[in-house]
C-alpha atoms as a PDB file:
ATOM      1  CA  UNK A   1       4.564  -0.145  16.535  1.00  0.00           C
ATOM      2  CA  UNK A   2       6.167  -2.394  13.929  1.00  0.00           C
ATOM      3  CA  UNK A   3       5.573  -5.465  16.113  1.00  0.00           C
ATOM      4  CA  UNK A   4       1.780  -4.891  16.026  1.00  0.00           C
ATOM      5  CA  UNK A   5       1.692  -4.179  12.278  1.00  0.00           C
ATOM      6  CA  UNK A   6       3.720  -7.164  11.155  1.00  0.00           C
ATOM      7  CA  UNK A   7       6.128  -4.864   9.318  1.00  0.00           C
ATOM      8  CA  UNK A   8       3.464  -3.318   7.118  1.00  0.00           C
ATOM      9  CA  UNK A   9       4.280   0.219   8.124  1.00  0.00           C
ATOM     10  CA  UNK A  10       7.976  -0.519   7.685  1.00  0.00           C
ATOM     11  CA  UNK A  11       7.352  -1.660   4.121  1.00  0.00           C
ATOM     12  CA  UNK A  12       5.352   1.473   3.394  1.00  0.00           C
ATOM     13  CA  UNK A  13       8.061   3.567   5.069  1.00  0.00           C
ATOM     14  CA  UNK A  14      10.699   1.932   2.845  1.00  0.00           C
ATOM     15  CA  UNK A  15       8.583   2.632  -0.259  1.00  0.00           C
ATOM     16  CA  UNK A  16       8.243   6.317   0.712  1.00  0.00           C
ATOM     17  CA  UNK A  17      12.006   6.505   1.245  1.00  0.00           C
ATOM     18  CA  UNK A  18      12.716   4.875  -2.074  1.00  0.00           C
ATOM     19  CA  UNK A  19      10.211   6.785  -4.158  1.00  0.00           C
ATOM     20  CA  UNK A  20      10.456  10.189  -2.550  1.00  0.00           C
ATOM     21  CA  UNK A  21      13.867  10.099  -0.837  1.00  0.00           C
ATOM     22  CA  UNK A  22      12.076  11.078   2.328  1.00  0.00           C
ATOM     23  CA  UNK A  23      12.893   9.445   5.658  1.00  0.00           C
ATOM     24  CA  UNK A  24      10.024   9.429   8.143  1.00  0.00           C
ATOM     25  CA  UNK A  25       9.154   7.444  11.254  1.00  0.00           C
ATOM     26  CA  UNK A  26       6.626   4.640  11.333  1.00  0.00           C
ATOM     27  CA  UNK A  27       4.411   6.886  13.465  1.00  0.00           C
ATOM     28  CA  UNK A  28       4.503   9.541  10.693  1.00  0.00           C
ATOM     29  CA  UNK A  29       3.605   6.896   8.080  1.00  0.00           C
ATOM     30  CA  UNK A  30       0.676   5.755  10.222  1.00  0.00           C
ATOM     31  CA  UNK A  31      -0.467   9.359  10.710  1.00  0.00           C
ATOM     32  CA  UNK A  32      -0.327  10.109   6.998  1.00  0.00           C
ATOM     33  CA  UNK A  33      -2.309   6.979   6.128  1.00  0.00           C
ATOM     34  CA  UNK A  34      -4.887   7.636   8.888  1.00  0.00           C
ATOM     35  CA  UNK A  35      -5.239  11.241   7.797  1.00  0.00           C
ATOM     36  CA  UNK A  36      -6.218  10.163   4.282  1.00  0.00           C
ATOM     37  CA  UNK A  37      -8.539   7.405   5.502  1.00  0.00           C
ATOM     38  CA  UNK A  38      -6.197   4.654   4.368  1.00  0.00           C
ATOM     39  CA  UNK A  39      -4.886   1.616   6.204  1.00  0.00           C
ATOM     40  CA  UNK A  40      -1.581  -0.251   6.188  1.00  0.00           C
ATOM     41  CA  UNK A  41      -3.430  -3.571   6.357  1.00  0.00           C
ATOM     42  CA  UNK A  42      -3.673  -5.977   3.442  1.00  0.00           C
ATOM     43  CA  UNK A  43      -6.698  -8.248   2.908  1.00  0.00           C
ATOM     44  CA  UNK A  44      -6.257 -11.747   4.285  1.00  0.00           C
ATOM     45  CA  UNK A  45      -7.709 -13.312   1.139  1.00  0.00           C
ATOM     46  CA  UNK A  46      -8.850 -12.337  -2.316  1.00  0.00           C
ATOM     47  CA  UNK A  47     -12.413 -11.247  -2.854  1.00  0.00           C
ATOM     48  CA  UNK A  48     -14.766 -13.977  -4.042  1.00  0.00           C
ATOM     49  CA  UNK A  49     -16.146 -11.597  -6.685  1.00  0.00           C
ATOM     50  CA  UNK A  50     -12.714 -10.924  -8.136  1.00  0.00           C
ATOM     51  CA  UNK A  51     -12.703 -11.063 -11.946  1.00  0.00           C
ATOM     52  CA  UNK A  52      -9.190 -12.170 -12.978  1.00  0.00           C
ATOM     53  CA  UNK A  53      -9.731 -11.290 -16.612  1.00  0.00           C
ATOM     54  CA  UNK A  54     -10.832  -7.697 -15.715  1.00  0.00           C
ATOM     55  CA  UNK A  55      -7.865  -7.365 -13.392  1.00  0.00           C
ATOM     56  CA  UNK A  56      -5.500  -8.500 -16.171  1.00  0.00           C
ATOM     57  CA  UNK A  57      -6.973  -5.972 -18.639  1.00  0.00           C
ATOM     58  CA  UNK A  58      -6.736  -3.201 -16.035  1.00  0.00           C
ATOM     59  CA  UNK A  59      -3.074  -4.054 -15.300  1.00  0.00           C
ATOM     60  CA  UNK A  60      -2.283  -4.034 -18.989  1.00  0.00           C
ATOM     61  CA  UNK A  61      -4.215  -0.908 -20.009  1.00  0.00           C
ATOM     62  CA  UNK A  62      -4.666   1.377 -16.978  1.00  0.00           C
ATOM     63  CA  UNK A  63      -1.782   0.651 -14.678  1.00  0.00           C
ATOM     64  CA  UNK A  64       0.975   1.889 -17.060  1.00  0.00           C
ATOM     65  CA  UNK A  65      -0.819   5.216 -17.154  1.00  0.00           C
ATOM     66  CA  UNK A  66      -0.945   5.377 -13.369  1.00  0.00           C
ATOM     67  CA  UNK A  67       2.788   4.663 -13.100  1.00  0.00           C
END
């Protein structure tokens, strides 16, 4: 499965292992993502409508609260 995903599931799997000290298979990661309606895929390019100033403000103000 990792060959098809370009290592995306492996990166998510490593993140889960690091954050939650939980070792699971790539298939389990795919299943969890799919179950919640998420995808391992990243966008190929940035959105044309992206507002860099708004993103910067969000990273400064909202992201620390999320972490």
